[in-house]
């Protein structure tokens, strides 16, 4: 079973926008705009701290499986968290309207009123994306959604190769997302402040290149994964079977709830709802479109 502290990030993500709006109605009658911005930043940093704790926990699990490294995780954390500090530093200097969406040529298409959500929207999206990619990597390795082989030898080697390629695919997404979205986050400053506008075009080019590299690398990994799967099927046919599921833990014919199973994903039932990370994963899937389409 999961406890209340496990879903605290979920509750905060859902209530963050409502809390911010509620306090904005109260604060103008009590304090000036500068203090109000400080309050908003403190509330926002609390959310970031909880997300970082969750990220560190999952990264430790992957390191135990020898499918990640300290240097790589430091790179991811640095490029994901650094934009928050940069934007927090420049936040008081930003104008009342900040860029929200860009065209394919790098020009500002939509402007939004300055707020914590509109300024920190992109780095928040980066955090959510990192959590999703990490959970996909972790879940694939832990859930047994890959087929369990009945014999050792060459089959085991192929399965290990498949596992490492799958982990490599999500790590590829993670580093390209960290690099691209950290640069994209800085565009808020470069496009808003006149003295930094000369950096806006190079930053846009960097983000475009990172996106192209990310897509190219993902296609390469997918090709390798398909090749290994074809090799496994050609050599061993259907000698492998899916990991068995305790049907006593299935409710309503589609809800799998088994606290003794460490799996995050279950092939037939998609999620193991007894795993606390399932709720974090679902919260991220809900939060991402909200950050994209509902900035204040």
C-alpha atoms as a PDB file:
ATOM      1  CA  UNK A   1       0.000   0.000   0.000  1.00  0.00           C
ATOM      2  CA  UNK A   2       1.136   3.568  -0.509  1.00  0.00           C
ATOM      3  CA  UNK A   3       1.075   6.172   2.237  1.00  0.00           C
ATOM      4  CA  UNK A   4       0.228   9.840   2.247  1.00  0.00           C
ATOM      5  CA  UNK A   5       3.863  10.933   2.168  1.00  0.00           C
ATOM      6  CA  UNK A   6       4.339   9.031  -1.083  1.00  0.00           C
ATOM      7  CA  UNK A   7       1.778  11.143  -2.896  1.00  0.00           C
ATOM      8  CA  UNK A   8       2.855  14.464  -1.398  1.00  0.00           C
ATOM      9  CA  UNK A   9       4.476  15.599  -4.688  1.00  0.00           C
ATOM     10  CA  UNK A  10       1.251  14.659  -6.478  1.00  0.00           C
ATOM     11  CA  UNK A  11      -0.848  16.732  -4.095  1.00  0.00           C
ATOM     12  CA  UNK A  12       1.504  19.691  -4.384  1.00  0.00           C
ATOM     13  CA  UNK A  13       1.567  19.564  -8.170  1.00  0.00           C
ATOM     14  CA  UNK A  14      -2.231  19.562  -8.316  1.00  0.00           C
ATOM     15  CA  UNK A  15      -2.743  22.243  -5.685  1.00  0.00           C
ATOM     16  CA  UNK A  16       0.134  24.546  -6.672  1.00  0.00           C
ATOM     17  CA  UNK A  17      -1.808  26.658  -9.139  1.00  0.00           C
ATOM     18  CA  UNK A  18      -4.818  26.965  -6.839  1.00  0.00           C
ATOM     19  CA  UNK A  19      -2.704  27.962  -3.849  1.00  0.00           C
ATOM     20  CA  UNK A  20      -0.893  30.572  -5.928  1.00  0.00           C
ATOM     21  CA  UNK A  21      -4.146  32.085  -7.148  1.00  0.00           C
ATOM     22  CA  UNK A  22      -5.630  32.143  -3.630  1.00  0.00           C
ATOM     23  CA  UNK A  23      -2.681  33.969  -2.141  1.00  0.00           C
ATOM     24  CA  UNK A  24      -2.618  36.483  -4.994  1.00  0.00           C
ATOM     25  CA  UNK A  25      -6.096  37.585  -4.005  1.00  0.00           C
ATOM     26  CA  UNK A  26      -4.999  38.153  -0.425  1.00  0.00           C
ATOM     27  CA  UNK A  27      -1.486  39.532  -0.729  1.00  0.00           C
ATOM     28  CA  UNK A  28      -2.166  42.764  -2.645  1.00  0.00           C
ATOM     29  CA  UNK A  29      -4.040  44.109   0.368  1.00  0.00           C
ATOM     30  CA  UNK A  30      -1.195  43.317   2.741  1.00  0.00           C
ATOM     31  CA  UNK A  31       2.200  43.726   1.065  1.00  0.00           C
ATOM     32  CA  UNK A  32       3.825  45.137  -2.043  1.00  0.00           C
ATOM     33  CA  UNK A  33       4.581  43.321  -5.296  1.00  0.00           C
ATOM     34  CA  UNK A  34       8.221  42.625  -4.430  1.00  0.00           C
ATOM     35  CA  UNK A  35       7.366  40.653  -1.291  1.00  0.00           C
ATOM     36  CA  UNK A  36       4.598  38.866  -3.179  1.00  0.00           C
ATOM     37  CA  UNK A  37       7.119  37.623  -5.757  1.00  0.00           C
ATOM     38  CA  UNK A  38       9.404  36.376  -2.972  1.00  0.00           C
ATOM     39  CA  UNK A  39       6.511  34.437  -1.468  1.00  0.00           C
ATOM     40  CA  UNK A  40       5.686  32.856  -4.834  1.00  0.00           C
ATOM     41  CA  UNK A  41       9.296  31.804  -5.340  1.00  0.00           C
ATOM     42  CA  UNK A  42       9.443  30.157  -1.904  1.00  0.00           C
ATOM     43  CA  UNK A  43       6.303  28.155  -2.632  1.00  0.00           C
ATOM     44  CA  UNK A  44       7.710  27.143  -5.994  1.00  0.00           C
ATOM     45  CA  UNK A  45      11.111  26.085  -4.582  1.00  0.00           C
ATOM     46  CA  UNK A  46       9.315  23.764  -2.153  1.00  0.00           C
ATOM     47  CA  UNK A  47       7.885  21.909  -5.143  1.00  0.00           C
ATOM     48  CA  UNK A  48      11.340  21.680  -6.739  1.00  0.00           C
ATOM     49  CA  UNK A  49      12.866  20.246  -3.551  1.00  0.00           C
ATOM     50  CA  UNK A  50      10.286  17.448  -3.398  1.00  0.00           C
ATOM     51  CA  UNK A  51      10.850  16.609  -7.075  1.00  0.00           C
ATOM     52  CA  UNK A  52      14.623  16.464  -6.572  1.00  0.00           C
ATOM     53  CA  UNK A  53      14.236  14.068  -3.625  1.00  0.00           C
ATOM     54  CA  UNK A  54      12.126  11.754  -5.753  1.00  0.00           C
ATOM     55  CA  UNK A  55      14.623  11.978  -8.638  1.00  0.00           C
ATOM     56  CA  UNK A  56      17.547  11.066  -6.352  1.00  0.00           C
ATOM     57  CA  UNK A  57      15.725   8.001  -5.004  1.00  0.00           C
ATOM     58  CA  UNK A  58      15.056   6.594  -8.454  1.00  0.00           C
ATOM     59  CA  UNK A  59      18.585   7.344  -9.650  1.00  0.00           C
ATOM     60  CA  UNK A  60      20.007   5.352  -6.712  1.00  0.00           C
ATOM     61  CA  UNK A  61      17.901   2.327  -7.693  1.00  0.00           C
ATOM     62  CA  UNK A  62      19.213   2.462 -11.249  1.00  0.00           C
ATOM     63  CA  UNK A  63      22.805   2.815 -10.056  1.00  0.00           C
ATOM     64  CA  UNK A  64      22.346  -0.358  -8.033  1.00  0.00           C
ATOM     65  CA  UNK A  65      21.457  -2.113 -11.299  1.00  0.00           C
ATOM     66  CA  UNK A  66      24.683  -0.820 -12.922  1.00  0.00           C
ATOM     67  CA  UNK A  67      22.711   0.921 -15.676  1.00  0.00           C
ATOM     68  CA  UNK A  68      23.611   4.486 -14.848  1.00  0.00           C
ATOM     69  CA  UNK A  69      26.572   6.468 -13.520  1.00  0.00           C
ATOM     70  CA  UNK A  70      27.191   9.216 -10.999  1.00  0.00           C
ATOM     71  CA  UNK A  71      28.711  11.532 -13.618  1.00  0.00           C
ATOM     72  CA  UNK A  72      25.717  11.164 -15.916  1.00  0.00           C
ATOM     73  CA  UNK A  73      23.239  11.817 -13.097  1.00  0.00           C
ATOM     74  CA  UNK A  74      25.200  14.894 -11.996  1.00  0.00           C
ATOM     75  CA  UNK A  75      25.023  16.203 -15.566  1.00  0.00           C
ATOM     76  CA  UNK A  76      21.263  15.654 -15.683  1.00  0.00           C
ATOM     77  CA  UNK A  77      20.634  17.274 -12.304  1.00  0.00           C
ATOM     78  CA  UNK A  78      22.881  20.245 -13.089  1.00  0.00           C
ATOM     79  CA  UNK A  79      21.276  21.052 -16.443  1.00  0.00           C
ATOM     80  CA  UNK A  80      17.777  20.495 -15.034  1.00  0.00           C
ATOM     81  CA  UNK A  81      18.167  22.584 -11.885  1.00  0.00           C
ATOM     82  CA  UNK A  82      20.493  25.370 -13.112  1.00  0.00           C
ATOM     83  CA  UNK A  83      17.745  27.227 -15.066  1.00  0.00           C
ATOM     84  CA  UNK A  84      15.743  27.639 -11.862  1.00  0.00           C
ATOM     85  CA  UNK A  85      18.570  29.608 -10.243  1.00  0.00           C
ATOM     86  CA  UNK A  86      19.188  31.708 -13.348  1.00  0.00           C
ATOM     87  CA  UNK A  87      15.504  32.580 -13.735  1.00  0.00           C
ATOM     88  CA  UNK A  88      15.150  33.250  -9.997  1.00  0.00           C
ATOM     89  CA  UNK A  89      18.063  35.710 -10.211  1.00  0.00           C
ATOM     90  CA  UNK A  90      16.577  37.584 -13.174  1.00  0.00           C
ATOM     91  CA  UNK A  91      12.957  37.296 -12.048  1.00  0.00           C
ATOM     92  CA  UNK A  92      12.746  40.812 -10.494  1.00  0.00           C
ATOM     93  CA  UNK A  93      14.271  42.319 -13.663  1.00  0.00           C
ATOM     94  CA  UNK A  94      11.857  40.724 -16.121  1.00  0.00           C
ATOM     95  CA  UNK A  95       9.122  42.933 -17.636  1.00  0.00           C
ATOM     96  CA  UNK A  96       5.423  42.472 -16.947  1.00  0.00           C
ATOM     97  CA  UNK A  97       5.058  40.369 -20.098  1.00  0.00           C
ATOM     98  CA  UNK A  98       7.321  37.430 -20.929  1.00  0.00           C
ATOM     99  CA  UNK A  99       7.584  35.213 -24.038  1.00  0.00           C
ATOM    100  CA  UNK A 100       5.527  32.042 -23.913  1.00  0.00           C
ATOM    101  CA  UNK A 101       5.611  30.341 -27.311  1.00  0.00           C
ATOM    102  CA  UNK A 102       7.975  30.751 -30.267  1.00  0.00           C
ATOM    103  CA  UNK A 103       7.450  30.184 -33.972  1.00  0.00           C
ATOM    104  CA  UNK A 104       9.558  27.747 -36.009  1.00  0.00           C
ATOM    105  CA  UNK A 105      11.798  30.679 -36.927  1.00  0.00           C
ATOM    106  CA  UNK A 106      12.469  31.646 -33.311  1.00  0.00           C
ATOM    107  CA  UNK A 107      10.185  34.676 -33.158  1.00  0.00           C
ATOM    108  CA  UNK A 108       7.876  35.234 -30.200  1.00  0.00           C
ATOM    109  CA  UNK A 109       4.364  34.117 -31.112  1.00  0.00           C
ATOM    110  CA  UNK A 110       2.631  34.459 -27.716  1.00  0.00           C
ATOM    111  CA  UNK A 111       3.349  36.642 -24.699  1.00  0.00           C
ATOM    112  CA  UNK A 112       2.039  36.022 -21.170  1.00  0.00           C
ATOM    113  CA  UNK A 113       1.711  38.015 -17.995  1.00  0.00           C
ATOM    114  CA  UNK A 114       4.728  37.616 -15.748  1.00  0.00           C
ATOM    115  CA  UNK A 115       4.152  35.049 -12.997  1.00  0.00           C
ATOM    116  CA  UNK A 116       5.996  32.153 -11.399  1.00  0.00           C
ATOM    117  CA  UNK A 117       4.230  29.707 -13.713  1.00  0.00           C
ATOM    118  CA  UNK A 118       4.870  31.649 -16.932  1.00  0.00           C
ATOM    119  CA  UNK A 119       8.548  32.298 -16.095  1.00  0.00           C
ATOM    120  CA  UNK A 120       9.394  28.851 -14.724  1.00  0.00           C
ATOM    121  CA  UNK A 121       7.135  26.919 -17.095  1.00  0.00           C
ATOM    122  CA  UNK A 122       9.898  25.431 -19.278  1.00  0.00           C
ATOM    123  CA  UNK A 123      12.216  24.260 -16.456  1.00  0.00           C
ATOM    124  CA  UNK A 124       9.165  22.780 -14.719  1.00  0.00           C
ATOM    125  CA  UNK A 125       8.351  20.914 -17.913  1.00  0.00           C
ATOM    126  CA  UNK A 126      11.959  19.710 -17.964  1.00  0.00           C
ATOM    127  CA  UNK A 127      11.639  18.334 -14.415  1.00  0.00           C
ATOM    128  CA  UNK A 128       8.396  16.557 -15.277  1.00  0.00           C
ATOM    129  CA  UNK A 129       9.937  15.100 -18.456  1.00  0.00           C
ATOM    130  CA  UNK A 130      12.997  13.882 -16.550  1.00  0.00           C
ATOM    131  CA  UNK A 131      10.798  12.150 -13.988  1.00  0.00           C
ATOM    132  CA  UNK A 132       8.756  10.448 -16.722  1.00  0.00           C
ATOM    133  CA  UNK A 133      11.878   9.241 -18.582  1.00  0.00           C
ATOM    134  CA  UNK A 134      13.482   8.014 -15.363  1.00  0.00           C
ATOM    135  CA  UNK A 135      10.345   6.142 -14.349  1.00  0.00           C
ATOM    136  CA  UNK A 136      10.061   4.601 -17.822  1.00  0.00           C
ATOM    137  CA  UNK A 137      13.659   3.391 -17.550  1.00  0.00           C
ATOM    138  CA  UNK A 138      13.236   2.212 -13.972  1.00  0.00           C
ATOM    139  CA  UNK A 139       9.850   0.627 -14.670  1.00  0.00           C
ATOM    140  CA  UNK A 140      11.069  -1.313 -17.689  1.00  0.00           C
ATOM    141  CA  UNK A 141      13.880  -2.844 -15.676  1.00  0.00           C
ATOM    142  CA  UNK A 142      11.867  -3.534 -12.531  1.00  0.00           C
ATOM    143  CA  UNK A 143       8.489  -4.633 -13.798  1.00  0.00           C
ATOM    144  CA  UNK A 144       9.515  -7.681 -15.790  1.00  0.00           C
ATOM    145  CA  UNK A 145       7.560  -6.340 -18.771  1.00  0.00           C
ATOM    146  CA  UNK A 146      10.445  -7.708 -20.798  1.00  0.00           C
ATOM    147  CA  UNK A 147       9.963 -11.413 -21.247  1.00  0.00           C
ATOM    148  CA  UNK A 148      11.589 -13.727 -18.708  1.00  0.00           C
ATOM    149  CA  UNK A 149      13.638 -16.434 -20.374  1.00  0.00           C
ATOM    150  CA  UNK A 150      13.385 -20.050 -19.333  1.00  0.00           C
ATOM    151  CA  UNK A 151      17.017 -20.941 -20.068  1.00  0.00           C
ATOM    152  CA  UNK A 152      20.388 -19.288 -19.649  1.00  0.00           C
ATOM    153  CA  UNK A 153      23.158 -18.835 -22.183  1.00  0.00           C
ATOM    154  CA  UNK A 154      22.738 -16.943 -25.439  1.00  0.00           C
ATOM    155  CA  UNK A 155      19.143 -16.025 -24.670  1.00  0.00           C
ATOM    156  CA  UNK A 156      20.191 -14.344 -21.424  1.00  0.00           C
ATOM    157  CA  UNK A 157      22.867 -12.353 -23.251  1.00  0.00           C
ATOM    158  CA  UNK A 158      20.336 -11.121 -25.786  1.00  0.00           C
ATOM    159  CA  UNK A 159      17.908 -10.135 -23.058  1.00  0.00           C
ATOM    160  CA  UNK A 160      20.656  -8.210 -21.223  1.00  0.00           C
ATOM    161  CA  UNK A 161      21.523  -6.468 -24.491  1.00  0.00           C
ATOM    162  CA  UNK A 162      17.875  -5.532 -24.932  1.00  0.00           C
ATOM    163  CA  UNK A 163      17.719  -4.186 -21.371  1.00  0.00           C
ATOM    164  CA  UNK A 164      20.803  -2.029 -21.851  1.00  0.00           C
ATOM    165  CA  UNK A 165      19.563  -0.670 -25.169  1.00  0.00           C
ATOM    166  CA  UNK A 166      16.228   0.186 -23.571  1.00  0.00           C
ATOM    167  CA  UNK A 167      17.980   1.956 -20.694  1.00  0.00           C
ATOM    168  CA  UNK A 168      20.220   3.729 -23.207  1.00  0.00           C
ATOM    169  CA  UNK A 169      17.182   4.984 -25.133  1.00  0.00           C
ATOM    170  CA  UNK A 170      15.706   6.682 -22.072  1.00  0.00           C
ATOM    171  CA  UNK A 171      19.088   8.069 -21.033  1.00  0.00           C
ATOM    172  CA  UNK A 172      19.422   9.502 -24.532  1.00  0.00           C
ATOM    173  CA  UNK A 173      16.087  11.246 -24.097  1.00  0.00           C
ATOM    174  CA  UNK A 174      17.132  12.479 -20.668  1.00  0.00           C
ATOM    175  CA  UNK A 175      20.368  14.196 -21.686  1.00  0.00           C
ATOM    176  CA  UNK A 176      18.913  15.772 -24.828  1.00  0.00           C
ATOM    177  CA  UNK A 177      15.879  17.024 -22.892  1.00  0.00           C
ATOM    178  CA  UNK A 178      18.123  18.416 -20.126  1.00  0.00           C
ATOM    179  CA  UNK A 179      20.334  20.225 -22.635  1.00  0.00           C
ATOM    180  CA  UNK A 180      17.548  21.493 -24.899  1.00  0.00           C
ATOM    181  CA  UNK A 181      15.182  22.682 -22.195  1.00  0.00           C
ATOM    182  CA  UNK A 182      17.896  24.323 -20.121  1.00  0.00           C
ATOM    183  CA  UNK A 183      18.821  26.422 -23.157  1.00  0.00           C
ATOM    184  CA  UNK A 184      15.160  27.042 -23.947  1.00  0.00           C
ATOM    185  CA  UNK A 185      14.575  28.218 -20.378  1.00  0.00           C
ATOM    186  CA  UNK A 186      17.192  30.932 -20.801  1.00  0.00           C
ATOM    187  CA  UNK A 187      15.310  32.262 -23.834  1.00  0.00           C
ATOM    188  CA  UNK A 188      12.820  33.789 -21.398  1.00  0.00           C
ATOM    189  CA  UNK A 189      15.603  36.092 -20.190  1.00  0.00           C
ATOM    190  CA  UNK A 190      17.242  36.661 -23.563  1.00  0.00           C
ATOM    191  CA  UNK A 191      13.993  37.621 -25.301  1.00  0.00           C
ATOM    192  CA  UNK A 192      12.707  39.763 -22.434  1.00  0.00           C
ATOM    193  CA  UNK A 193      15.747  41.905 -21.635  1.00  0.00           C
ATOM    194  CA  UNK A 194      17.136  44.141 -24.357  1.00  0.00           C
ATOM    195  CA  UNK A 195      20.781  43.765 -23.324  1.00  0.00           C
ATOM    196  CA  UNK A 196      20.637  39.967 -23.812  1.00  0.00           C
ATOM    197  CA  UNK A 197      18.643  39.804 -27.051  1.00  0.00           C
ATOM    198  CA  UNK A 198      21.768  39.102 -29.108  1.00  0.00           C
ATOM    199  CA  UNK A 199      21.896  35.688 -27.376  1.00  0.00           C
ATOM    200  CA  UNK A 200      18.341  34.737 -28.341  1.00  0.00           C
ATOM    201  CA  UNK A 201      19.159  33.533 -31.868  1.00  0.00           C
ATOM    202  CA  UNK A 202      22.154  31.319 -30.895  1.00  0.00           C
ATOM    203  CA  UNK A 203      20.063  29.822 -28.095  1.00  0.00           C
ATOM    204  CA  UNK A 204      17.249  29.011 -30.517  1.00  0.00           C
ATOM    205  CA  UNK A 205      19.724  27.315 -32.882  1.00  0.00           C
ATOM    206  CA  UNK A 206      21.127  25.247 -30.001  1.00  0.00           C
ATOM    207  CA  UNK A 207      17.659  24.078 -28.937  1.00  0.00           C
ATOM    208  CA  UNK A 208      16.795  23.133 -32.538  1.00  0.00           C
ATOM    209  CA  UNK A 209      20.020  21.146 -32.918  1.00  0.00           C
ATOM    210  CA  UNK A 210      19.441  19.380 -29.605  1.00  0.00           C
ATOM    211  CA  UNK A 211      15.939  18.392 -30.740  1.00  0.00           C
ATOM    212  CA  UNK A 212      17.262  16.984 -34.032  1.00  0.00           C
ATOM    213  CA  UNK A 213      20.027  15.068 -32.262  1.00  0.00           C
ATOM    214  CA  UNK A 214      17.486  13.692 -29.814  1.00  0.00           C
ATOM    215  CA  UNK A 215      15.214  12.416 -32.587  1.00  0.00           C
ATOM    216  CA  UNK A 216      18.126  10.924 -34.568  1.00  0.00           C
ATOM    217  CA  UNK A 217      19.498   9.117 -31.513  1.00  0.00           C
ATOM    218  CA  UNK A 218      16.062   7.802 -30.550  1.00  0.00           C
ATOM    219  CA  UNK A 219      15.560   6.365 -34.043  1.00  0.00           C
ATOM    220  CA  UNK A 220      18.963   4.668 -33.834  1.00  0.00           C
ATOM    221  CA  UNK A 221      18.126   3.068 -30.475  1.00  0.00           C
ATOM    222  CA  UNK A 222      14.704   1.949 -31.715  1.00  0.00           C
ATOM    223  CA  UNK A 223      16.340   0.332 -34.744  1.00  0.00           C
ATOM    224  CA  UNK A 224      18.796  -1.529 -32.495  1.00  0.00           C
ATOM    225  CA  UNK A 225      15.977  -2.657 -30.187  1.00  0.00           C
ATOM    226  CA  UNK A 226      13.942  -3.999 -33.087  1.00  0.00           C
ATOM    227  CA  UNK A 227      17.021  -5.794 -34.439  1.00  0.00           C
ATOM    228  CA  UNK A 228      17.629  -7.532 -31.098  1.00  0.00           C
ATOM    229  CA  UNK A 229      13.959  -8.521 -30.829  1.00  0.00           C
ATOM    230  CA  UNK A 230      14.048  -9.996 -34.335  1.00  0.00           C
ATOM    231  CA  UNK A 231      17.239 -11.865 -33.447  1.00  0.00           C
ATOM    232  CA  UNK A 232      15.656 -13.293 -30.304  1.00  0.00           C
ATOM    233  CA  UNK A 233      12.577 -14.427 -32.213  1.00  0.00           C
ATOM    234  CA  UNK A 234      14.612 -15.912 -35.085  1.00  0.00           C
ATOM    235  CA  UNK A 235      16.872 -17.907 -32.768  1.00  0.00           C
ATOM    236  CA  UNK A 236      14.491 -19.004 -30.043  1.00  0.00           C
ATOM    237  CA  UNK A 237      10.995 -18.499 -31.404  1.00  0.00           C
ATOM    238  CA  UNK A 238       8.385 -18.397 -28.628  1.00  0.00           C
ATOM    239  CA  UNK A 239      10.457 -20.160 -25.951  1.00  0.00           C
ATOM    240  CA  UNK A 240      10.028 -17.177 -23.655  1.00  0.00           C
ATOM    241  CA  UNK A 241       6.868 -16.429 -21.697  1.00  0.00           C
ATOM    242  CA  UNK A 242       5.538 -13.290 -20.001  1.00  0.00           C
ATOM    243  CA  UNK A 243       6.117 -12.819 -16.297  1.00  0.00           C
ATOM    244  CA  UNK A 244       3.156 -14.367 -14.427  1.00  0.00           C
ATOM    245  CA  UNK A 245       0.690 -12.050 -12.706  1.00  0.00           C
ATOM    246  CA  UNK A 246      -1.128 -12.876  -9.463  1.00  0.00           C
ATOM    247  CA  UNK A 247      -4.740 -12.748 -10.684  1.00  0.00           C
ATOM    248  CA  UNK A 248      -5.958 -12.553  -7.083  1.00  0.00           C
ATOM    249  CA  UNK A 249      -4.608  -8.992  -7.074  1.00  0.00           C
ATOM    250  CA  UNK A 250      -6.640  -7.914 -10.098  1.00  0.00           C
ATOM    251  CA  UNK A 251      -9.764  -5.919  -9.270  1.00  0.00           C
ATOM    252  CA  UNK A 252     -12.609  -5.218 -11.655  1.00  0.00           C
ATOM    253  CA  UNK A 253     -10.830  -7.174 -14.348  1.00  0.00           C
ATOM    254  CA  UNK A 254      -8.338  -4.389 -15.151  1.00  0.00           C
ATOM    255  CA  UNK A 255      -6.897  -2.844 -11.925  1.00  0.00           C
ATOM    256  CA  UNK A 256      -3.735  -4.614 -10.799  1.00  0.00           C
ATOM    257  CA  UNK A 257      -2.944  -3.825  -7.154  1.00  0.00           C
ATOM    258  CA  UNK A 258      -0.131  -5.941  -5.695  1.00  0.00           C
ATOM    259  CA  UNK A 259       2.076  -4.386  -3.014  1.00  0.00           C
ATOM    260  CA  UNK A 260       4.410  -7.404  -2.995  1.00  0.00           C
ATOM    261  CA  UNK A 261       5.194  -6.959  -6.697  1.00  0.00           C
ATOM    262  CA  UNK A 262       7.919  -4.297  -7.283  1.00  0.00           C
ATOM    263  CA  UNK A 263       6.788  -3.841 -10.883  1.00  0.00           C
ATOM    264  CA  UNK A 264       5.695  -0.401 -12.023  1.00  0.00           C
ATOM    265  CA  UNK A 265       4.374  -1.538 -15.402  1.00  0.00           C
ATOM    266  CA  UNK A 266       2.491  -4.780 -15.983  1.00  0.00           C
ATOM    267  CA  UNK A 267       2.048  -5.770 -19.620  1.00  0.00           C
ATOM    268  CA  UNK A 268      -1.628  -6.718 -19.572  1.00  0.00           C
ATOM    269  CA  UNK A 269      -2.844  -4.243 -16.932  1.00  0.00           C
ATOM    270  CA  UNK A 270      -0.410  -1.384 -17.750  1.00  0.00           C
ATOM    271  CA  UNK A 271       0.156  -0.225 -14.146  1.00  0.00           C
ATOM    272  CA  UNK A 272       0.646  -1.785 -10.742  1.00  0.00           C
ATOM    273  CA  UNK A 273      -1.402   0.699  -8.699  1.00  0.00           C
ATOM    274  CA  UNK A 274       0.127  -0.520  -5.430  1.00  0.00           C
ATOM    275  CA  UNK A 275       3.467   0.925  -6.536  1.00  0.00           C
ATOM    276  CA  UNK A 276       3.796   4.506  -5.270  1.00  0.00           C
ATOM    277  CA  UNK A 277       5.714   5.524  -8.390  1.00  0.00           C
ATOM    278  CA  UNK A 278       2.639   4.761 -10.488  1.00  0.00           C
ATOM    279  CA  UNK A 279       0.886   7.744  -8.938  1.00  0.00           C
ATOM    280  CA  UNK A 280       3.890   9.990  -9.515  1.00  0.00           C
ATOM    281  CA  UNK A 281       3.969   8.860 -13.157  1.00  0.00           C
ATOM    282  CA  UNK A 282       0.261   9.608 -13.619  1.00  0.00           C
ATOM    283  CA  UNK A 283       0.674  12.980 -11.887  1.00  0.00           C
ATOM    284  CA  UNK A 284       3.439  13.895 -14.346  1.00  0.00           C
ATOM    285  CA  UNK A 285       1.289  12.915 -17.321  1.00  0.00           C
ATOM    286  CA  UNK A 286      -1.435  15.232 -16.010  1.00  0.00           C
ATOM    287  CA  UNK A 287       0.908  18.072 -15.066  1.00  0.00           C
ATOM    288  CA  UNK A 288       2.808  18.337 -18.346  1.00  0.00           C
ATOM    289  CA  UNK A 289      -0.134  19.430 -20.557  1.00  0.00           C
ATOM    290  CA  UNK A 290      -1.269  21.808 -17.805  1.00  0.00           C
ATOM    291  CA  UNK A 291       2.133  23.501 -17.902  1.00  0.00           C
ATOM    292  CA  UNK A 292       2.027  23.682 -21.695  1.00  0.00           C
ATOM    293  CA  UNK A 293      -1.500  25.002 -22.206  1.00  0.00           C
ATOM    294  CA  UNK A 294      -2.496  26.724 -18.971  1.00  0.00           C
ATOM    295  CA  UNK A 295       0.243  29.222 -18.094  1.00  0.00           C
ATOM    296  CA  UNK A 296      -0.930  32.305 -16.237  1.00  0.00           C
END
